[in-house]
Amino acid sequence: MQRLLIMKYLLTHKTHPTADDIYNELSKRMPTLSKTTVYNTLKLLAESKACLALTLDEKNIHYDGDTTLHGHFLCKECMTIIDIPINEISLNREESSDYTVDSMEISFYGRCSACQKKRM
């Protein structure tokens, strides 16, 4: 039940929450939920590729329920994470036999439009 609730939260909240964000929100509805359960469930979901574990900043791991190919933009000012659509990336895996690509991360860093407007 708790794992399903955590996965549902990831699929319905596109905010790239941290484990603490998820715990703080879900514990209001499920007081028996523990932080350990949230952390262990997120680890399991990431290992099974049911969610993405994003290490975009040095302080937190953020989680994304959208496992389709897309990039992420981190605003260095307000720390908001925004999904960046990627039309197509082609990897010719037969070019080199020295490696196999299992996953990739495409990350952009800068200032979001709201933070840019604040500076004007």
C-alpha atoms as a PDB file:
ATOM      1  CA  MET A   1       0.000   0.000   0.000  1.00  0.00           C
ATOM      2  CA  GLN A   2       2.752   2.441   0.955  1.00  0.00           C
ATOM      3  CA  ARG A   3       4.829   1.668  -2.139  1.00  0.00           C
ATOM      4  CA  LEU A   4       1.816   2.228  -4.370  1.00  0.00           C
ATOM      5  CA  LEU A   5       1.081   5.537  -2.665  1.00  0.00           C
ATOM      6  CA  ILE A   6       4.683   6.696  -3.193  1.00  0.00           C
ATOM      7  CA  MET A   7       4.656   5.671  -6.866  1.00  0.00           C
ATOM      8  CA  LYS A   8       1.294   7.366  -7.387  1.00  0.00           C
ATOM      9  CA  TYR A   9       2.703  10.534  -5.835  1.00  0.00           C
ATOM     10  CA  LEU A  10       5.648  10.479  -8.265  1.00  0.00           C
ATOM     11  CA  LEU A  11       3.356   9.980 -11.246  1.00  0.00           C
ATOM     12  CA  THR A  12       0.987  12.786 -10.263  1.00  0.00           C
ATOM     13  CA  HIS A  13       3.480  15.382  -8.998  1.00  0.00           C
ATOM     14  CA  LYS A  14       5.792  16.609 -11.726  1.00  0.00           C
ATOM     15  CA  THR A  15       7.797  18.737  -9.274  1.00  0.00           C
ATOM     16  CA  HIS A  16      10.784  16.362  -9.018  1.00  0.00           C
ATOM     17  CA  PRO A  17      10.360  15.926  -5.246  1.00  0.00           C
ATOM     18  CA  THR A  18      12.994  14.777  -2.782  1.00  0.00           C
ATOM     19  CA  ALA A  19      12.378  11.881  -0.399  1.00  0.00           C
ATOM     20  CA  ASP A  20      11.704  14.407   2.357  1.00  0.00           C
ATOM     21  CA  ASP A  21       9.159  16.242   0.173  1.00  0.00           C
ATOM     22  CA  ILE A  22       7.336  12.977  -0.446  1.00  0.00           C
ATOM     23  CA  TYR A  23       7.451  11.958   3.207  1.00  0.00           C
ATOM     24  CA  ASN A  24       6.215  15.351   4.424  1.00  0.00           C
ATOM     25  CA  GLU A  25       3.254  15.299   2.052  1.00  0.00           C
ATOM     26  CA  LEU A  26       2.239  11.641   2.379  1.00  0.00           C
ATOM     27  CA  SER A  27       2.649  11.407   6.162  1.00  0.00           C
ATOM     28  CA  LYS A  28      -0.246  13.884   6.500  1.00  0.00           C
ATOM     29  CA  ARG A  29      -2.544  11.236   4.991  1.00  0.00           C
ATOM     30  CA  MET A  30      -0.733   8.188   6.314  1.00  0.00           C
ATOM     31  CA  PRO A  31       0.686   8.881   9.795  1.00  0.00           C
ATOM     32  CA  THR A  32       2.213   5.388  10.028  1.00  0.00           C
ATOM     33  CA  LEU A  33       4.499   6.082   7.054  1.00  0.00           C
ATOM     34  CA  SER A  34       8.164   6.269   8.022  1.00  0.00           C
ATOM     35  CA  LYS A  35      11.009   8.122   6.326  1.00  0.00           C
ATOM     36  CA  THR A  36      12.868   4.833   6.082  1.00  0.00           C
ATOM     37  CA  THR A  37      10.004   3.335   4.075  1.00  0.00           C
ATOM     38  CA  VAL A  38      10.035   6.317   1.700  1.00  0.00           C
ATOM     39  CA  TYR A  39      13.810   6.155   1.194  1.00  0.00           C
ATOM     40  CA  ASN A  40      13.821   2.366   0.726  1.00  0.00           C
ATOM     41  CA  THR A  41      10.884   2.482  -1.679  1.00  0.00           C
ATOM     42  CA  LEU A  42      12.469   5.233  -3.778  1.00  0.00           C
ATOM     43  CA  LYS A  43      15.731   3.285  -3.901  1.00  0.00           C
ATOM     44  CA  LEU A  44      13.854   0.168  -5.041  1.00  0.00           C
ATOM     45  CA  LEU A  45      11.857   2.109  -7.654  1.00  0.00           C
ATOM     46  CA  ALA A  46      15.003   3.743  -9.044  1.00  0.00           C
ATOM     47  CA  GLU A  47      16.912   0.445  -9.155  1.00  0.00           C
ATOM     48  CA  SER A  48      14.038  -1.202 -11.034  1.00  0.00           C
ATOM     49  CA  LYS A  49      13.889   1.819 -13.399  1.00  0.00           C
ATOM     50  CA  ALA A  50      10.309   2.639 -12.370  1.00  0.00           C
ATOM     51  CA  CYS A  51      11.465   6.188 -11.570  1.00  0.00           C
ATOM     52  CA  LEU A  52      14.513   8.349 -12.144  1.00  0.00           C
ATOM     53  CA  ALA A  53      16.856   9.433  -9.352  1.00  0.00           C
ATOM     54  CA  LEU A  54      18.239  12.845 -10.324  1.00  0.00           C
ATOM     55  CA  THR A  55      21.458  14.204  -8.870  1.00  0.00           C
ATOM     56  CA  LEU A  56      21.218  17.689 -10.321  1.00  0.00           C
ATOM     57  CA  ASP A  57      22.385  19.549  -7.248  1.00  0.00           C
ATOM     58  CA  GLU A  58      24.942  18.633  -4.611  1.00  0.00           C
ATOM     59  CA  LYS A  59      22.501  18.548  -1.700  1.00  0.00           C
ATOM     60  CA  ASN A  60      19.535  16.407  -2.751  1.00  0.00           C
ATOM     61  CA  ILE A  61      18.402  13.520  -4.856  1.00  0.00           C
ATOM     62  CA  HIS A  62      15.217  14.405  -6.698  1.00  0.00           C
ATOM     63  CA  TYR A  63      12.864  11.782  -8.105  1.00  0.00           C
ATOM     64  CA  ASP A  64      10.955  11.757 -11.374  1.00  0.00           C
ATOM     65  CA  GLY A  65       8.112   9.362 -12.155  1.00  0.00           C
ATOM     66  CA  ASP A  66       8.461  10.104 -15.883  1.00  0.00           C
ATOM     67  CA  THR A  67      10.956   7.579 -17.229  1.00  0.00           C
ATOM     68  CA  THR A  68      10.567   8.567 -20.865  1.00  0.00           C
ATOM     69  CA  LEU A  69      13.550  10.154 -22.588  1.00  0.00           C
ATOM     70  CA  HIS A  70      13.778  13.809 -21.575  1.00  0.00           C
ATOM     71  CA  GLY A  71      16.266  16.227 -20.107  1.00  0.00           C
ATOM     72  CA  HIS A  72      16.144  18.429 -17.039  1.00  0.00           C
ATOM     73  CA  PHE A  73      16.826  22.107 -16.430  1.00  0.00           C
ATOM     74  CA  LEU A  74      17.856  23.241 -12.939  1.00  0.00           C
ATOM     75  CA  CYS A  75      17.454  26.917 -12.140  1.00  0.00           C
ATOM     76  CA  LYS A  76      20.555  27.763 -10.101  1.00  0.00           C
ATOM     77  CA  GLU A  77      18.691  30.606  -8.411  1.00  0.00           C
ATOM     78  CA  CYS A  78      15.336  29.174  -7.231  1.00  0.00           C
ATOM     79  CA  MET A  79      16.355  25.477  -7.599  1.00  0.00           C
ATOM     80  CA  THR A  80      13.263  24.643  -9.669  1.00  0.00           C
ATOM     81  CA  ILE A  81      13.654  21.615 -11.951  1.00  0.00           C
ATOM     82  CA  ILE A  82      11.909  21.724 -15.317  1.00  0.00           C
ATOM     83  CA  ASP A  83      11.504  18.873 -17.809  1.00  0.00           C
ATOM     84  CA  ILE A  84      13.079  19.539 -21.210  1.00  0.00           C
ATOM     85  CA  PRO A  85      11.575  17.556 -24.100  1.00  0.00           C
ATOM     86  CA  ILE A  86      14.044  15.781 -26.335  1.00  0.00           C
ATOM     87  CA  ASN A  87      12.835  14.900 -29.793  1.00  0.00           C
ATOM     88  CA  GLU A  88      15.277  12.166 -30.645  1.00  0.00           C
ATOM     89  CA  ILE A  89      18.709  10.990 -29.657  1.00  0.00           C
ATOM     90  CA  SER A  90      20.297   8.329 -31.772  1.00  0.00           C
ATOM     91  CA  LEU A  91      23.003   6.128 -30.345  1.00  0.00           C
ATOM     92  CA  ASN A  92      24.735   3.775 -32.686  1.00  0.00           C
ATOM     93  CA  ARG A  93      25.750   1.100 -30.211  1.00  0.00           C
ATOM     94  CA  GLU A  94      27.559  -0.864 -32.869  1.00  0.00           C
ATOM     95  CA  GLU A  95      30.160   1.876 -33.429  1.00  0.00           C
ATOM     96  CA  SER A  96      32.164   0.735 -30.431  1.00  0.00           C
ATOM     97  CA  SER A  97      32.346  -2.592 -28.702  1.00  0.00           C
ATOM     98  CA  ASP A  98      34.171  -0.993 -25.761  1.00  0.00           C
ATOM     99  CA  TYR A  99      30.995   0.050 -23.965  1.00  0.00           C
ATOM    100  CA  THR A 100      27.256  -0.419 -23.683  1.00  0.00           C
ATOM    101  CA  VAL A 101      24.971   2.479 -22.751  1.00  0.00           C
ATOM    102  CA  ASP A 102      22.455   1.535 -20.056  1.00  0.00           C
ATOM    103  CA  SER A 103      21.215   5.025 -19.269  1.00  0.00           C
ATOM    104  CA  MET A 104      21.937   8.669 -19.856  1.00  0.00           C
ATOM    105  CA  GLU A 105      21.179  11.996 -18.226  1.00  0.00           C
ATOM    106  CA  ILE A 106      20.850  15.282 -20.052  1.00  0.00           C
ATOM    107  CA  SER A 107      20.982  18.253 -17.708  1.00  0.00           C
ATOM    108  CA  PHE A 108      20.940  21.992 -18.294  1.00  0.00           C
ATOM    109  CA  TYR A 109      21.726  24.655 -15.710  1.00  0.00           C
ATOM    110  CA  GLY A 110      20.955  28.358 -15.684  1.00  0.00           C
ATOM    111  CA  ARG A 111      18.158  30.744 -14.678  1.00  0.00           C
ATOM    112  CA  CYS A 112      14.458  30.148 -15.304  1.00  0.00           C
ATOM    113  CA  SER A 113      12.342  32.897 -16.890  1.00  0.00           C
ATOM    114  CA  ALA A 114      10.843  33.917 -13.528  1.00  0.00           C
ATOM    115  CA  CYS A 115      14.292  34.425 -11.992  1.00  0.00           C
ATOM    116  CA  GLN A 116      15.481  36.306 -15.076  1.00  0.00           C
ATOM    117  CA  LYS A 117      12.535  38.704 -14.740  1.00  0.00           C
ATOM    118  CA  LYS A 118      13.374  39.319 -11.059  1.00  0.00           C
ATOM    119  CA  ARG A 119      16.844  40.519 -12.060  1.00  0.00           C
ATOM    120  CA  MET A 120      15.502  43.111 -14.500  1.00  0.00           C
END
